[in-house]
Amino acid sequence: MSTTIRISLAQVTSGTEPSDNLKIIDKHARAAHQAGSTIVVFPEAMMRCFGGPIRTIAEPLDGPWADAVREIAKSIGITIVAGMFTPADEGRVANTLLITGPTVDASYDKIHLFDAFGFAESDTVAPGSEPLTVQIDGVTVGFATCYDIRFPALFQKLGDLGAELVVVPASWGSGPGKVEQWSLLARARALDSTAYVAACDQAEPAEAEGTAPLGVGHSVVSSPTGEVLGELDATPGLLTVDIDTGLVDAVRKKLPVLANRRQF
């Protein structure tokens, strides 16, 4: 049975103050609802941008910041996906996605940590271990965060778990070829999982210093066949796309890469 839902990607720039970032979430969640979307996706590190201390602002999932996001979702009647930081072991934090809305309240901790291009996320962040899928309005949605998109096995696993759409919030680091890699990886992971991939990045900041990954924009939605259904430029914006799960079913019947793959 085919299900169609509308999803919006809010390509924004989070700042250093969690309370100010809640205002950004409220504004863009309302715009997404007005556009007819039932899900609005915000980037990774929406609670506080990278490039400064995150241990001091980390809060549990039942803390005031997450509860404020829940209240926004409840008041609007929309499911919100937003990146935050939660306390973890050894004085580190977890890089957590909060997924909250009328029918869901869940979280995903980033599995693959960005120890690359001169940045060591593992210094301050503890890795997650469990893939996540949830049901939202009749659609099975999987989750990944930023650097996760470079690892096909995670997306294949999400496909095995029935994901028809995989949402990927990010704060993608800039550099030569990084924009092209971002778009290519979103399309490749859609092909690997035969699912839609909705990859939402932070907008490119006006000024950037140091090695912290802050964002390059270019949020993109790919179909299960790798077709780009919508893409933004580097500047802030809202990308809204319809997701038809009937296409996922059709592709998985014609091209059953998940069923055909061999384990080595």
C-alpha atoms as a PDB file:
ATOM      1  CA  MET A   1       0.000   0.000   0.000  1.00  0.00           C
ATOM      2  CA  SER A   2       1.430   3.350  -1.048  1.00  0.00           C
ATOM      3  CA  THR A   3       1.681   6.247   1.384  1.00  0.00           C
ATOM      4  CA  THR A   4       2.569   9.824   0.514  1.00  0.00           C
ATOM      5  CA  ILE A   5       3.898  12.316   3.027  1.00  0.00           C
ATOM      6  CA  ARG A   6       5.374  15.779   2.659  1.00  0.00           C
ATOM      7  CA  ILE A   7       8.687  16.595   4.318  1.00  0.00           C
ATOM      8  CA  SER A   8      10.528  19.896   4.721  1.00  0.00           C
ATOM      9  CA  LEU A   9      14.255  20.376   5.273  1.00  0.00           C
ATOM     10  CA  ALA A  10      15.061  23.556   7.209  1.00  0.00           C
ATOM     11  CA  GLN A  11      18.526  24.613   6.089  1.00  0.00           C
ATOM     12  CA  VAL A  12      19.484  27.110   8.779  1.00  0.00           C
ATOM     13  CA  THR A  13      22.521  28.229  10.764  1.00  0.00           C
ATOM     14  CA  SER A  14      22.430  27.432  14.469  1.00  0.00           C
ATOM     15  CA  GLY A  15      24.229  29.728  16.882  1.00  0.00           C
ATOM     16  CA  THR A  16      25.907  29.432  20.247  1.00  0.00           C
ATOM     17  CA  GLU A  17      22.819  30.059  22.410  1.00  0.00           C
ATOM     18  CA  PRO A  18      20.399  27.106  22.723  1.00  0.00           C
ATOM     19  CA  SER A  19      17.496  29.424  23.565  1.00  0.00           C
ATOM     20  CA  ASP A  20      18.013  31.422  20.363  1.00  0.00           C
ATOM     21  CA  ASN A  21      18.109  28.195  18.367  1.00  0.00           C
ATOM     22  CA  LEU A  22      14.701  27.239  19.761  1.00  0.00           C
ATOM     23  CA  LYS A  23      13.318  30.390  18.157  1.00  0.00           C
ATOM     24  CA  ILE A  24      14.778  29.284  14.813  1.00  0.00           C
ATOM     25  CA  ILE A  25      13.131  25.884  15.221  1.00  0.00           C
ATOM     26  CA  ASP A  26       9.768  27.424  16.053  1.00  0.00           C
ATOM     27  CA  LYS A  27       9.873  29.788  13.063  1.00  0.00           C
ATOM     28  CA  HIS A  28      10.806  27.166  10.494  1.00  0.00           C
ATOM     29  CA  ALA A  29       8.570  24.447  11.916  1.00  0.00           C
ATOM     30  CA  ARG A  30       5.635  26.806  11.437  1.00  0.00           C
ATOM     31  CA  ALA A  31       6.749  27.540   7.870  1.00  0.00           C
ATOM     32  CA  ALA A  32       6.989  23.799   7.165  1.00  0.00           C
ATOM     33  CA  HIS A  33       3.520  23.213   8.570  1.00  0.00           C
ATOM     34  CA  GLN A  34       2.193  26.039   6.424  1.00  0.00           C
ATOM     35  CA  ALA A  35       3.783  24.302   3.425  1.00  0.00           C
ATOM     36  CA  GLY A  36       1.772  21.189   4.252  1.00  0.00           C
ATOM     37  CA  SER A  37       4.581  19.073   5.687  1.00  0.00           C
ATOM     38  CA  THR A  38       4.103  16.523   8.446  1.00  0.00           C
ATOM     39  CA  ILE A  39       7.853  16.257   9.136  1.00  0.00           C
ATOM     40  CA  VAL A  40      10.392  19.079   9.392  1.00  0.00           C
ATOM     41  CA  VAL A  41      14.090  18.220   9.584  1.00  0.00           C
ATOM     42  CA  PHE A  42      16.680  20.527  11.111  1.00  0.00           C
ATOM     43  CA  PRO A  43      20.464  20.082  10.921  1.00  0.00           C
ATOM     44  CA  GLU A  44      22.868  18.363  13.276  1.00  0.00           C
ATOM     45  CA  ALA A  45      24.088  20.532  16.194  1.00  0.00           C
ATOM     46  CA  MET A  46      20.855  22.510  16.196  1.00  0.00           C
ATOM     47  CA  MET A  47      21.049  22.912  19.962  1.00  0.00           C
ATOM     48  CA  ARG A  48      24.426  24.635  19.620  1.00  0.00           C
ATOM     49  CA  CYS A  49      26.752  24.941  16.670  1.00  0.00           C
ATOM     50  CA  PHE A  50      30.146  23.267  16.626  1.00  0.00           C
ATOM     51  CA  GLY A  51      33.221  25.363  17.277  1.00  0.00           C
ATOM     52  CA  GLY A  52      32.746  25.915  21.002  1.00  0.00           C
ATOM     53  CA  PRO A  53      32.075  24.004  24.229  1.00  0.00           C
ATOM     54  CA  ILE A  54      29.280  21.447  23.975  1.00  0.00           C
ATOM     55  CA  ARG A  55      29.754  19.573  27.268  1.00  0.00           C
ATOM     56  CA  THR A  56      28.453  22.526  29.263  1.00  0.00           C
ATOM     57  CA  ILE A  57      25.188  22.800  27.328  1.00  0.00           C
ATOM     58  CA  ALA A  58      24.384  19.084  27.012  1.00  0.00           C
ATOM     59  CA  GLU A  59      21.059  18.107  28.560  1.00  0.00           C
ATOM     60  CA  PRO A  60      19.185  14.811  28.970  1.00  0.00           C
ATOM     61  CA  LEU A  61      16.307  13.954  26.681  1.00  0.00           C
ATOM     62  CA  ASP A  62      13.870  14.949  29.422  1.00  0.00           C
ATOM     63  CA  GLY A  63      15.645  18.273  29.970  1.00  0.00           C
ATOM     64  CA  PRO A  64      14.296  21.770  29.264  1.00  0.00           C
ATOM     65  CA  TRP A  65      15.701  22.150  25.733  1.00  0.00           C
ATOM     66  CA  ALA A  66      14.239  18.893  24.436  1.00  0.00           C
ATOM     67  CA  ASP A  67      10.968  19.599  26.231  1.00  0.00           C
ATOM     68  CA  ALA A  68      10.807  22.998  24.530  1.00  0.00           C
ATOM     69  CA  VAL A  69      11.196  21.310  21.131  1.00  0.00           C
ATOM     70  CA  ARG A  70       8.431  18.872  22.100  1.00  0.00           C
ATOM     71  CA  GLU A  71       6.169  21.763  22.994  1.00  0.00           C
ATOM     72  CA  ILE A  72       6.828  23.438  19.632  1.00  0.00           C
ATOM     73  CA  ALA A  73       6.002  20.198  17.806  1.00  0.00           C
ATOM     74  CA  LYS A  74       2.855  19.718  19.880  1.00  0.00           C
ATOM     75  CA  SER A  75       1.611  23.275  19.426  1.00  0.00           C
ATOM     76  CA  ILE A  76       2.051  23.111  15.639  1.00  0.00           C
ATOM     77  CA  GLY A  77       1.096  19.474  15.107  1.00  0.00           C
ATOM     78  CA  ILE A  78       4.248  18.493  13.232  1.00  0.00           C
ATOM     79  CA  THR A  79       7.083  16.008  13.743  1.00  0.00           C
ATOM     80  CA  ILE A  80      10.438  17.723  14.358  1.00  0.00           C
ATOM     81  CA  VAL A  81      13.870  16.163  13.864  1.00  0.00           C
ATOM     82  CA  ALA A  82      16.673  18.249  15.386  1.00  0.00           C
ATOM     83  CA  GLY A  83      20.242  17.678  16.519  1.00  0.00           C
ATOM     84  CA  MET A  84      21.153  18.174  20.180  1.00  0.00           C
ATOM     85  CA  PHE A  85      23.745  16.972  22.706  1.00  0.00           C
ATOM     86  CA  THR A  86      23.007  14.665  25.629  1.00  0.00           C
ATOM     87  CA  PRO A  87      25.302  13.628  28.505  1.00  0.00           C
ATOM     88  CA  ALA A  88      27.404  10.476  27.972  1.00  0.00           C
ATOM     89  CA  ASP A  89      30.183   8.575  29.733  1.00  0.00           C
ATOM     90  CA  GLU A  90      33.754   9.726  30.453  1.00  0.00           C
ATOM     91  CA  GLY A  91      32.748  13.376  30.490  1.00  0.00           C
ATOM     92  CA  ARG A  92      31.714  13.278  26.862  1.00  0.00           C
ATOM     93  CA  VAL A  93      28.336  13.862  25.209  1.00  0.00           C
ATOM     94  CA  ALA A  94      26.263  11.984  22.657  1.00  0.00           C
ATOM     95  CA  ASN A  95      25.507  13.646  19.336  1.00  0.00           C
ATOM     96  CA  THR A  96      21.775  13.014  19.471  1.00  0.00           C
ATOM     97  CA  LEU A  97      18.856  13.458  17.105  1.00  0.00           C
ATOM     98  CA  LEU A  98      15.575  14.211  18.852  1.00  0.00           C
ATOM     99  CA  ILE A  99      12.558  12.976  16.897  1.00  0.00           C
ATOM    100  CA  THR A 100       9.319  14.237  18.382  1.00  0.00           C
ATOM    101  CA  GLY A 101       5.792  14.805  17.149  1.00  0.00           C
ATOM    102  CA  PRO A 102       2.146  13.808  17.469  1.00  0.00           C
ATOM    103  CA  THR A 103       2.838  10.054  17.181  1.00  0.00           C
ATOM    104  CA  VAL A 104       6.527   9.658  18.028  1.00  0.00           C
ATOM    105  CA  ASP A 105       9.111  10.544  20.657  1.00  0.00           C
ATOM    106  CA  ALA A 106      12.473   8.896  19.989  1.00  0.00           C
ATOM    107  CA  SER A 107      16.184   9.600  19.710  1.00  0.00           C
ATOM    108  CA  TYR A 108      19.218   8.436  17.741  1.00  0.00           C
ATOM    109  CA  ASP A 109      22.866   8.783  18.798  1.00  0.00           C
ATOM    110  CA  LYS A 110      25.353   9.297  15.964  1.00  0.00           C
ATOM    111  CA  ILE A 111      27.293   6.077  15.388  1.00  0.00           C
ATOM    112  CA  HIS A 112      30.216   7.198  13.194  1.00  0.00           C
ATOM    113  CA  LEU A 113      32.206  10.056  14.713  1.00  0.00           C
ATOM    114  CA  PHE A 114      33.956  12.656  12.555  1.00  0.00           C
ATOM    115  CA  ASP A 115      37.636  12.074  13.246  1.00  0.00           C
ATOM    116  CA  ALA A 116      38.793  13.426   9.904  1.00  0.00           C
ATOM    117  CA  PHE A 117      40.084  16.546   8.132  1.00  0.00           C
ATOM    118  CA  GLY A 118      41.818  17.707  11.318  1.00  0.00           C
ATOM    119  CA  PHE A 119      38.718  17.513  13.530  1.00  0.00           C
ATOM    120  CA  ALA A 120      38.372  14.910  16.315  1.00  0.00           C
ATOM    121  CA  GLU A 121      34.729  14.575  17.286  1.00  0.00           C
ATOM    122  CA  SER A 122      35.549  11.573  19.486  1.00  0.00           C
ATOM    123  CA  ASP A 123      37.468  13.828  21.881  1.00  0.00           C
ATOM    124  CA  THR A 124      34.186  15.185  23.172  1.00  0.00           C
ATOM    125  CA  VAL A 125      31.516  12.832  21.777  1.00  0.00           C
ATOM    126  CA  ALA A 126      30.775   9.187  22.609  1.00  0.00           C
ATOM    127  CA  PRO A 127      29.541   7.022  19.706  1.00  0.00           C
ATOM    128  CA  GLY A 128      26.088   5.511  19.509  1.00  0.00           C
ATOM    129  CA  SER A 129      25.627   1.859  18.653  1.00  0.00           C
ATOM    130  CA  GLU A 130      22.052   1.187  17.552  1.00  0.00           C
ATOM    131  CA  PRO A 131      20.383   2.044  14.219  1.00  0.00           C
ATOM    132  CA  LEU A 132      16.903   3.513  14.576  1.00  0.00           C
ATOM    133  CA  THR A 133      13.694   3.349  12.556  1.00  0.00           C
ATOM    134  CA  VAL A 134      10.315   4.723  13.611  1.00  0.00           C
ATOM    135  CA  GLN A 135       6.858   4.934  12.091  1.00  0.00           C
ATOM    136  CA  ILE A 136       5.692   8.432  11.163  1.00  0.00           C
ATOM    137  CA  ASP A 137       2.312   8.777   9.458  1.00  0.00           C
ATOM    138  CA  GLY A 138       2.516   5.264   8.028  1.00  0.00           C
ATOM    139  CA  VAL A 139       6.086   5.640   6.721  1.00  0.00           C
ATOM    140  CA  THR A 140       9.086   3.797   8.168  1.00  0.00           C
ATOM    141  CA  VAL A 141      11.780   6.422   8.704  1.00  0.00           C
ATOM    142  CA  GLY A 142      15.441   5.708   9.482  1.00  0.00           C
ATOM    143  CA  PHE A 143      18.001   8.130  10.847  1.00  0.00           C
ATOM    144  CA  ALA A 144      21.670   8.938  10.341  1.00  0.00           C
ATOM    145  CA  THR A 145      23.829  11.941  11.172  1.00  0.00           C
ATOM    146  CA  CYS A 146      26.379  13.715   8.969  1.00  0.00           C
ATOM    147  CA  TYR A 147      29.532  11.502   8.810  1.00  0.00           C
ATOM    148  CA  ASP A 148      27.258   8.424   8.972  1.00  0.00           C
ATOM    149  CA  ILE A 149      26.457   9.115   5.311  1.00  0.00           C
ATOM    150  CA  ARG A 150      29.902   7.852   4.286  1.00  0.00           C
ATOM    151  CA  PHE A 151      29.122   4.330   5.565  1.00  0.00           C
ATOM    152  CA  PRO A 152      26.924   2.242   3.235  1.00  0.00           C
ATOM    153  CA  ALA A 153      26.409  -0.620   5.703  1.00  0.00           C
ATOM    154  CA  LEU A 154      24.379   1.589   8.043  1.00  0.00           C
ATOM    155  CA  PHE A 155      22.000   2.540   5.246  1.00  0.00           C
ATOM    156  CA  GLN A 156      21.725  -1.064   4.109  1.00  0.00           C
ATOM    157  CA  LYS A 157      20.853  -2.020   7.672  1.00  0.00           C
ATOM    158  CA  LEU A 158      18.194   0.683   7.790  1.00  0.00           C
ATOM    159  CA  GLY A 159      16.820  -0.702   4.533  1.00  0.00           C
ATOM    160  CA  ASP A 160      16.770  -4.182   6.088  1.00  0.00           C
ATOM    161  CA  LEU A 161      14.777  -2.692   8.965  1.00  0.00           C
ATOM    162  CA  GLY A 162      12.199  -1.458   6.468  1.00  0.00           C
ATOM    163  CA  ALA A 163      13.191   2.204   6.165  1.00  0.00           C
ATOM    164  CA  GLU A 164      11.457   3.842   3.224  1.00  0.00           C
ATOM    165  CA  LEU A 165      12.978   7.230   4.012  1.00  0.00           C
ATOM    166  CA  VAL A 166      16.305   7.954   5.717  1.00  0.00           C
ATOM    167  CA  VAL A 167      16.731  11.397   7.260  1.00  0.00           C
ATOM    168  CA  VAL A 168      20.292  12.742   7.583  1.00  0.00           C
ATOM    169  CA  PRO A 169      20.798  15.970   9.563  1.00  0.00           C
ATOM    170  CA  ALA A 170      24.338  17.315   9.177  1.00  0.00           C
ATOM    171  CA  SER A 171      26.838  20.040   9.911  1.00  0.00           C
ATOM    172  CA  TRP A 172      29.043  19.218   6.931  1.00  0.00           C
ATOM    173  CA  GLY A 173      32.610  20.496   6.944  1.00  0.00           C
ATOM    174  CA  SER A 174      33.715  22.739   4.107  1.00  0.00           C
ATOM    175  CA  GLY A 175      36.700  22.119   1.839  1.00  0.00           C
ATOM    176  CA  PRO A 176      37.679  21.206  -1.713  1.00  0.00           C
ATOM    177  CA  GLY A 177      35.136  18.872  -3.248  1.00  0.00           C
ATOM    178  CA  LYS A 178      33.053  18.611  -0.087  1.00  0.00           C
ATOM    179  CA  VAL A 179      29.825  19.947  -1.631  1.00  0.00           C
ATOM    180  CA  GLU A 180      30.088  17.502  -4.521  1.00  0.00           C
ATOM    181  CA  GLN A 181      30.804  14.629  -2.128  1.00  0.00           C
ATOM    182  CA  TRP A 182      27.788  15.537   0.009  1.00  0.00           C
ATOM    183  CA  SER A 183      25.359  15.414  -2.915  1.00  0.00           C
ATOM    184  CA  LEU A 184      26.940  12.297  -4.370  1.00  0.00           C
ATOM    185  CA  LEU A 185      26.855  10.461  -1.031  1.00  0.00           C
ATOM    186  CA  ALA A 186      23.166  11.264  -0.499  1.00  0.00           C
ATOM    187  CA  ARG A 187      22.329   9.787  -3.890  1.00  0.00           C
ATOM    188  CA  ALA A 188      24.611   6.783  -3.388  1.00  0.00           C
ATOM    189  CA  ARG A 189      23.099   5.941   0.009  1.00  0.00           C
ATOM    190  CA  ALA A 190      19.625   6.137  -1.537  1.00  0.00           C
ATOM    191  CA  LEU A 191      20.740   3.569  -4.098  1.00  0.00           C
ATOM    192  CA  ASP A 192      22.343   1.387  -1.403  1.00  0.00           C
ATOM    193  CA  SER A 193      19.178   1.298   0.700  1.00  0.00           C
ATOM    194  CA  THR A 194      16.634   1.679  -2.138  1.00  0.00           C
ATOM    195  CA  ALA A 195      15.009   4.342   0.017  1.00  0.00           C
ATOM    196  CA  TYR A 196      14.512   8.083  -0.157  1.00  0.00           C
ATOM    197  CA  VAL A 197      17.341  10.020   1.501  1.00  0.00           C
ATOM    198  CA  ALA A 198      16.620  13.491   2.874  1.00  0.00           C
ATOM    199  CA  ALA A 199      19.922  15.136   3.861  1.00  0.00           C
ATOM    200  CA  CYS A 200      19.618  18.452   5.709  1.00  0.00           C
ATOM    201  CA  ASP A 201      22.784  20.466   6.236  1.00  0.00           C
ATOM    202  CA  GLN A 202      23.526  23.656   8.098  1.00  0.00           C
ATOM    203  CA  ALA A 203      23.620  26.643   5.776  1.00  0.00           C
ATOM    204  CA  GLU A 204      27.066  27.971   4.951  1.00  0.00           C
ATOM    205  CA  PRO A 205      27.970  30.484   7.683  1.00  0.00           C
ATOM    206  CA  ALA A 206      28.895  34.041   6.813  1.00  0.00           C
ATOM    207  CA  GLU A 207      32.163  33.649   8.726  1.00  0.00           C
ATOM    208  CA  ALA A 208      33.984  30.497   9.777  1.00  0.00           C
ATOM    209  CA  GLU A 209      37.156  29.975  11.785  1.00  0.00           C
ATOM    210  CA  GLY A 210      39.078  26.863  12.852  1.00  0.00           C
ATOM    211  CA  THR A 211      38.450  23.268  11.824  1.00  0.00           C
ATOM    212  CA  ALA A 212      34.961  22.781  13.266  1.00  0.00           C
ATOM    213  CA  PRO A 213      32.441  21.539  10.650  1.00  0.00           C
ATOM    214  CA  LEU A 214      29.797  24.228  10.340  1.00  0.00           C
ATOM    215  CA  GLY A 215      27.970  23.567   7.079  1.00  0.00           C
ATOM    216  CA  VAL A 216      28.032  24.073   3.333  1.00  0.00           C
ATOM    217  CA  GLY A 217      24.282  24.050   2.666  1.00  0.00           C
ATOM    218  CA  HIS A 218      23.080  22.146  -0.404  1.00  0.00           C
ATOM    219  CA  SER A 219      20.457  20.132   1.468  1.00  0.00           C
ATOM    220  CA  VAL A 220      19.126  17.501  -0.900  1.00  0.00           C
ATOM    221  CA  VAL A 221      16.431  14.851  -1.273  1.00  0.00           C
ATOM    222  CA  SER A 222      17.185  11.796  -3.415  1.00  0.00           C
ATOM    223  CA  SER A 223      14.745   9.186  -4.685  1.00  0.00           C
ATOM    224  CA  PRO A 224      15.437   5.436  -4.278  1.00  0.00           C
ATOM    225  CA  THR A 225      16.834   5.479  -7.837  1.00  0.00           C
ATOM    226  CA  GLY A 226      19.276   8.316  -7.097  1.00  0.00           C
ATOM    227  CA  GLU A 227      17.237  11.074  -8.748  1.00  0.00           C
ATOM    228  CA  VAL A 228      17.579  14.480  -7.113  1.00  0.00           C
ATOM    229  CA  LEU A 229      14.064  15.575  -6.187  1.00  0.00           C
ATOM    230  CA  GLY A 230      15.093  18.897  -4.717  1.00  0.00           C
ATOM    231  CA  GLU A 231      18.260  20.705  -3.673  1.00  0.00           C
ATOM    232  CA  LEU A 232      19.117  24.062  -2.110  1.00  0.00           C
ATOM    233  CA  ASP A 233      22.151  26.272  -2.605  1.00  0.00           C
ATOM    234  CA  ALA A 234      24.493  27.318   0.229  1.00  0.00           C
ATOM    235  CA  THR A 235      22.155  29.914   1.738  1.00  0.00           C
ATOM    236  CA  PRO A 236      19.350  29.409   4.287  1.00  0.00           C
ATOM    237  CA  GLY A 237      16.126  28.002   2.891  1.00  0.00           C
ATOM    238  CA  LEU A 238      13.274  25.535   3.233  1.00  0.00           C
ATOM    239  CA  LEU A 239      13.140  22.545   0.880  1.00  0.00           C
ATOM    240  CA  THR A 240       9.784  20.742   0.677  1.00  0.00           C
ATOM    241  CA  VAL A 241       9.347  17.424  -1.135  1.00  0.00           C
ATOM    242  CA  ASP A 242       6.648  14.746  -1.350  1.00  0.00           C
ATOM    243  CA  ILE A 243       7.692  11.189  -0.486  1.00  0.00           C
ATOM    244  CA  ASP A 244       5.744   8.345  -2.153  1.00  0.00           C
ATOM    245  CA  THR A 245       6.479   4.958  -0.584  1.00  0.00           C
ATOM    246  CA  GLY A 246       4.972   3.233  -3.609  1.00  0.00           C
ATOM    247  CA  LEU A 247       8.176   4.037  -5.477  1.00  0.00           C
ATOM    248  CA  VAL A 248      10.221   2.307  -2.774  1.00  0.00           C
ATOM    249  CA  ASP A 249       8.137  -0.849  -3.132  1.00  0.00           C
ATOM    250  CA  ALA A 250       8.443  -0.767  -6.926  1.00  0.00           C
ATOM    251  CA  VAL A 251      12.205  -0.258  -6.897  1.00  0.00           C
ATOM    252  CA  ARG A 252      12.776  -3.006  -4.332  1.00  0.00           C
ATOM    253  CA  LYS A 253      10.845  -5.445  -6.514  1.00  0.00           C
ATOM    254  CA  LYS A 254      12.670  -4.515  -9.725  1.00  0.00           C
ATOM    255  CA  LEU A 255      16.114  -4.008  -8.220  1.00  0.00           C
ATOM    256  CA  PRO A 256      16.332  -6.035  -4.969  1.00  0.00           C
ATOM    257  CA  VAL A 257      19.886  -5.080  -4.020  1.00  0.00           C
ATOM    258  CA  LEU A 258      19.193  -5.613  -0.324  1.00  0.00           C
ATOM    259  CA  ALA A 259      17.981  -9.163  -0.945  1.00  0.00           C
ATOM    260  CA  ASN A 260      20.685  -9.945  -3.531  1.00  0.00           C
ATOM    261  CA  ARG A 261      23.735  -8.738  -1.613  1.00  0.00           C
ATOM    262  CA  ARG A 262      26.262 -11.258  -0.287  1.00  0.00           C
ATOM    263  CA  GLN A 263      27.974 -11.051   3.095  1.00  0.00           C
ATOM    264  CA  PHE A 264      31.788 -11.319   3.131  1.00  0.00           C
END
